[in-house]
Each structure stands twice: as structure tokens, then as C-alpha cells.
Amino acid sequence: MQVQLTPELARKLTDLAATTGRAPDQLVEDAVAGYLDELVTLRDALDGRYDDLKSGRVAPISGDDAERRLREKSERRRTGK
């Protein structure tokens, strides 16, 4: 398989390969493997949440309520309260 990179990304890859002593193809393979692992984990989580919603195990909330909850959680973390 061949991967086409932009010149900027290719330069970054070449620079990283030079500083780490690893071959560019090894770095790309590791990066893709890590990305795919994360993607599979995310898909599994989303599929599980979808199943929970469809089965009624959890109730949906509005976007406004979700935003409010996230802001409150962020504020508690920021202030330690």
C-alpha cells in the first residue's frame, strides 16, 4: 500500500525519523495502528451508547442540557468545588 503525504507532512515525518532513528515507514505503521486502535475503541463506545439509547437503558438529553452539564463539570474541575 502506498500513502500520499503533503510536502509539509512528509517533512515532519522525515524530521521525526531522523531524530528518533526509526525508519519513516515504521513511524507511519505505528501511527496508523494507533489511530485504528483508537477508532475501534471509539466506535465500540458509540455503538454501545446507541444500543443503550435504543433499548431505553439510558434517556437522551437535550443539547442545551448536555452543554450545561459539561460547563458545570468544567467549572467544578477549575475551581475544585
N, C-alpha and C. Protein backbone atom coordinates (compact mmCIF):
# COMPACT_ATOMS: atom_id res chain seq x y z
N MET A 1 0.85 -1.17 0.00
CA MET A 1 0.00 0.00 0.00
C MET A 1 0.90 1.24 0.00
N GLN A 2 0.49 2.22 -0.73
CA GLN A 2 1.22 3.49 -0.75
C GLN A 2 0.37 4.57 -0.10
N VAL A 3 1.04 5.48 0.57
CA VAL A 3 0.36 6.58 1.23
C VAL A 3 0.92 7.88 0.66
N GLN A 4 0.04 8.75 0.23
CA GLN A 4 0.45 10.05 -0.30
C GLN A 4 0.39 11.07 0.83
N LEU A 5 1.49 11.77 1.07
CA LEU A 5 1.56 12.79 2.11
C LEU A 5 1.78 14.15 1.48
N THR A 6 1.27 15.17 2.14
CA THR A 6 1.57 16.52 1.71
C THR A 6 3.06 16.77 1.94
N PRO A 7 3.65 17.71 1.22
CA PRO A 7 5.07 18.00 1.45
C PRO A 7 5.37 18.37 2.90
N GLU A 8 4.48 19.12 3.53
CA GLU A 8 4.71 19.51 4.93
C GLU A 8 4.70 18.29 5.85
N LEU A 9 3.74 17.40 5.65
CA LEU A 9 3.66 16.20 6.48
C LEU A 9 4.84 15.27 6.21
N ALA A 10 5.24 15.17 4.96
CA ALA A 10 6.41 14.34 4.62
C ALA A 10 7.67 14.90 5.29
N ARG A 11 7.80 16.22 5.35
CA ARG A 11 8.95 16.83 6.01
C ARG A 11 8.94 16.53 7.49
N LYS A 12 7.76 16.63 8.12
CA LYS A 12 7.65 16.32 9.54
C LYS A 12 8.03 14.86 9.80
N LEU A 13 7.56 13.97 8.94
CA LEU A 13 7.87 12.55 9.09
C LEU A 13 9.38 12.31 8.95
N THR A 14 9.98 12.94 7.95
CA THR A 14 11.42 12.79 7.74
C THR A 14 12.19 13.33 8.93
N ASP A 15 11.78 14.49 9.44
CA ASP A 15 12.45 15.07 10.61
C ASP A 15 12.33 14.16 11.84
N LEU A 16 11.13 13.63 12.06
CA LEU A 16 10.93 12.75 13.20
C LEU A 16 11.74 11.47 13.06
N ALA A 17 11.78 10.94 11.86
CA ALA A 17 12.57 9.73 11.62
C ALA A 17 14.04 9.99 11.92
N ALA A 18 14.53 11.15 11.51
CA ALA A 18 15.93 11.49 11.75
C ALA A 18 16.23 11.64 13.24
N THR A 19 15.30 12.24 13.98
CA THR A 19 15.56 12.47 15.41
C THR A 19 15.35 11.22 16.25
N THR A 20 14.52 10.29 15.79
CA THR A 20 14.26 9.08 16.57
C THR A 20 15.11 7.90 16.13
N GLY A 21 15.69 8.00 14.95
CA GLY A 21 16.47 6.88 14.44
C GLY A 21 15.62 5.74 13.91
N ARG A 22 14.35 6.00 13.73
CA ARG A 22 13.44 4.98 13.19
C ARG A 22 13.14 5.29 11.74
N ALA A 23 12.85 4.26 10.98
CA ALA A 23 12.53 4.44 9.57
C ALA A 23 11.16 5.09 9.42
N PRO A 24 11.00 5.95 8.42
CA PRO A 24 9.70 6.60 8.21
C PRO A 24 8.55 5.61 8.07
N ASP A 25 8.77 4.49 7.37
CA ASP A 25 7.69 3.53 7.21
C ASP A 25 7.29 2.89 8.55
N GLN A 26 8.22 2.74 9.48
CA GLN A 26 7.89 2.23 10.80
C GLN A 26 7.04 3.24 11.57
N LEU A 27 7.41 4.51 11.46
CA LEU A 27 6.63 5.55 12.14
C LEU A 27 5.21 5.62 11.60
N VAL A 28 5.07 5.54 10.29
CA VAL A 28 3.73 5.59 9.68
C VAL A 28 2.92 4.37 10.11
N GLU A 29 3.53 3.20 10.11
CA GLU A 29 2.81 1.99 10.51
C GLU A 29 2.36 2.09 11.97
N ASP A 30 3.24 2.56 12.85
CA ASP A 30 2.86 2.73 14.25
C ASP A 30 1.74 3.75 14.41
N ALA A 31 1.82 4.85 13.67
CA ALA A 31 0.80 5.89 13.77
C ALA A 31 -0.55 5.38 13.29
N VAL A 32 -0.57 4.67 12.18
CA VAL A 32 -1.82 4.14 11.65
C VAL A 32 -2.39 3.08 12.58
N ALA A 33 -1.54 2.21 13.12
CA ALA A 33 -2.00 1.18 14.04
C ALA A 33 -2.63 1.82 15.28
N GLY A 34 -1.98 2.84 15.83
CA GLY A 34 -2.53 3.52 17.00
C GLY A 34 -3.84 4.20 16.69
N TYR A 35 -3.91 4.85 15.53
CA TYR A 35 -5.14 5.53 15.12
C TYR A 35 -6.28 4.52 14.97
N LEU A 36 -6.00 3.40 14.32
CA LEU A 36 -7.05 2.41 14.11
C LEU A 36 -7.52 1.80 15.44
N ASP A 37 -6.58 1.56 16.37
CA ASP A 37 -6.97 1.06 17.69
C ASP A 37 -7.91 2.04 18.38
N GLU A 38 -7.56 3.33 18.34
CA GLU A 38 -8.41 4.35 18.95
C GLU A 38 -9.76 4.43 18.27
N LEU A 39 -9.77 4.32 16.94
CA LEU A 39 -11.02 4.40 16.19
C LEU A 39 -11.93 3.23 16.53
N VAL A 40 -11.38 2.04 16.64
CA VAL A 40 -12.18 0.86 17.01
C VAL A 40 -12.76 1.04 18.41
N THR A 41 -11.95 1.53 19.34
CA THR A 41 -12.42 1.76 20.70
C THR A 41 -13.55 2.79 20.72
N LEU A 42 -13.38 3.87 19.97
CA LEU A 42 -14.42 4.89 19.90
C LEU A 42 -15.69 4.35 19.27
N ARG A 43 -15.56 3.61 18.19
CA ARG A 43 -16.74 3.03 17.53
C ARG A 43 -17.48 2.09 18.47
N ASP A 44 -16.73 1.27 19.21
CA ASP A 44 -17.36 0.36 20.17
C ASP A 44 -18.13 1.14 21.24
N ALA A 45 -17.53 2.23 21.74
CA ALA A 45 -18.19 3.05 22.75
C ALA A 45 -19.45 3.69 22.19
N LEU A 46 -19.36 4.23 20.98
CA LEU A 46 -20.53 4.86 20.37
C LEU A 46 -21.63 3.84 20.08
N ASP A 47 -21.23 2.67 19.58
CA ASP A 47 -22.23 1.63 19.32
C ASP A 47 -22.91 1.21 20.62
N GLY A 48 -22.14 1.11 21.70
CA GLY A 48 -22.72 0.74 22.99
C GLY A 48 -23.70 1.78 23.48
N ARG A 49 -23.33 3.06 23.34
CA ARG A 49 -24.24 4.13 23.77
C ARG A 49 -25.51 4.13 22.92
N TYR A 50 -25.35 3.91 21.61
CA TYR A 50 -26.52 3.85 20.74
C TYR A 50 -27.44 2.71 21.17
N ASP A 51 -26.84 1.55 21.45
CA ASP A 51 -27.64 0.41 21.92
C ASP A 51 -28.36 0.75 23.22
N ASP A 52 -27.66 1.46 24.14
CA ASP A 52 -28.28 1.86 25.40
C ASP A 52 -29.48 2.78 25.16
N LEU A 53 -29.33 3.71 24.23
CA LEU A 53 -30.43 4.62 23.92
C LEU A 53 -31.60 3.88 23.28
N LYS A 54 -31.30 3.03 22.32
CA LYS A 54 -32.37 2.30 21.62
C LYS A 54 -33.13 1.38 22.56
N SER A 55 -32.44 0.78 23.52
CA SER A 55 -33.09 -0.16 24.42
C SER A 55 -33.81 0.54 25.57
N GLY A 56 -33.56 1.84 25.75
CA GLY A 56 -34.18 2.57 26.84
C GLY A 56 -33.41 2.50 28.15
N ARG A 57 -32.22 1.89 28.14
CA ARG A 57 -31.43 1.81 29.38
C ARG A 57 -30.96 3.19 29.83
N VAL A 58 -30.81 4.11 28.89
CA VAL A 58 -30.48 5.50 29.22
C VAL A 58 -31.43 6.40 28.45
N ALA A 59 -31.68 7.58 29.00
CA ALA A 59 -32.58 8.53 28.35
C ALA A 59 -31.75 9.62 27.68
N PRO A 60 -32.16 10.03 26.49
CA PRO A 60 -31.44 11.12 25.82
C PRO A 60 -31.66 12.44 26.57
N ILE A 61 -30.69 13.34 26.41
CA ILE A 61 -30.84 14.69 26.97
C ILE A 61 -30.68 15.69 25.83
N SER A 62 -31.19 16.88 26.04
CA SER A 62 -31.11 17.91 25.00
C SER A 62 -29.67 18.41 24.88
N GLY A 63 -29.37 19.00 23.77
CA GLY A 63 -28.06 19.60 23.56
C GLY A 63 -27.77 20.69 24.56
N ASP A 64 -28.78 21.50 24.88
CA ASP A 64 -28.59 22.57 25.86
C ASP A 64 -28.26 22.00 27.23
N ASP A 65 -28.95 20.93 27.61
CA ASP A 65 -28.69 20.31 28.91
C ASP A 65 -27.30 19.68 28.94
N ALA A 66 -26.90 19.05 27.86
CA ALA A 66 -25.57 18.45 27.79
C ALA A 66 -24.50 19.53 27.91
N GLU A 67 -24.69 20.64 27.22
CA GLU A 67 -23.73 21.74 27.30
C GLU A 67 -23.66 22.30 28.72
N ARG A 68 -24.81 22.48 29.36
CA ARG A 68 -24.85 22.99 30.73
C ARG A 68 -24.09 22.06 31.66
N ARG A 69 -24.32 20.75 31.52
CA ARG A 69 -23.64 19.77 32.38
C ARG A 69 -22.12 19.81 32.18
N LEU A 70 -21.70 19.92 30.93
CA LEU A 70 -20.26 19.99 30.66
C LEU A 70 -19.64 21.25 31.22
N ARG A 71 -20.34 22.37 31.09
CA ARG A 71 -19.83 23.62 31.65
C ARG A 71 -19.73 23.53 33.18
N GLU A 72 -20.74 22.96 33.83
CA GLU A 72 -20.71 22.81 35.29
C GLU A 72 -19.56 21.90 35.72
N LYS A 73 -19.37 20.81 34.99
CA LYS A 73 -18.28 19.89 35.31
C LYS A 73 -16.93 20.58 35.14
N SER A 74 -16.79 21.33 34.07
CA SER A 74 -15.55 22.06 33.81
C SER A 74 -15.29 23.09 34.91
N GLU A 75 -16.34 23.77 35.32
CA GLU A 75 -16.21 24.78 36.38
C GLU A 75 -15.80 24.13 37.70
N ARG A 76 -16.39 22.98 38.01
CA ARG A 76 -16.02 22.28 39.25
C ARG A 76 -14.56 21.86 39.23
N ARG A 77 -14.08 21.38 38.08
CA ARG A 77 -12.67 21.00 37.96
C ARG A 77 -11.76 22.22 38.12
N ARG A 78 -12.17 23.31 37.52
CA ARG A 78 -11.37 24.53 37.55
C ARG A 78 -11.26 25.10 38.94
N THR A 79 -12.38 25.07 39.67
CA THR A 79 -12.41 25.68 40.99
C THR A 79 -12.16 24.68 42.12
N GLY A 80 -12.20 23.41 41.81
CA GLY A 80 -12.01 22.40 42.84
C GLY A 80 -13.21 22.21 43.74
N LYS A 81 -14.37 22.67 43.30
CA LYS A 81 -15.61 22.55 44.10
C LYS A 81 -16.54 21.53 43.52
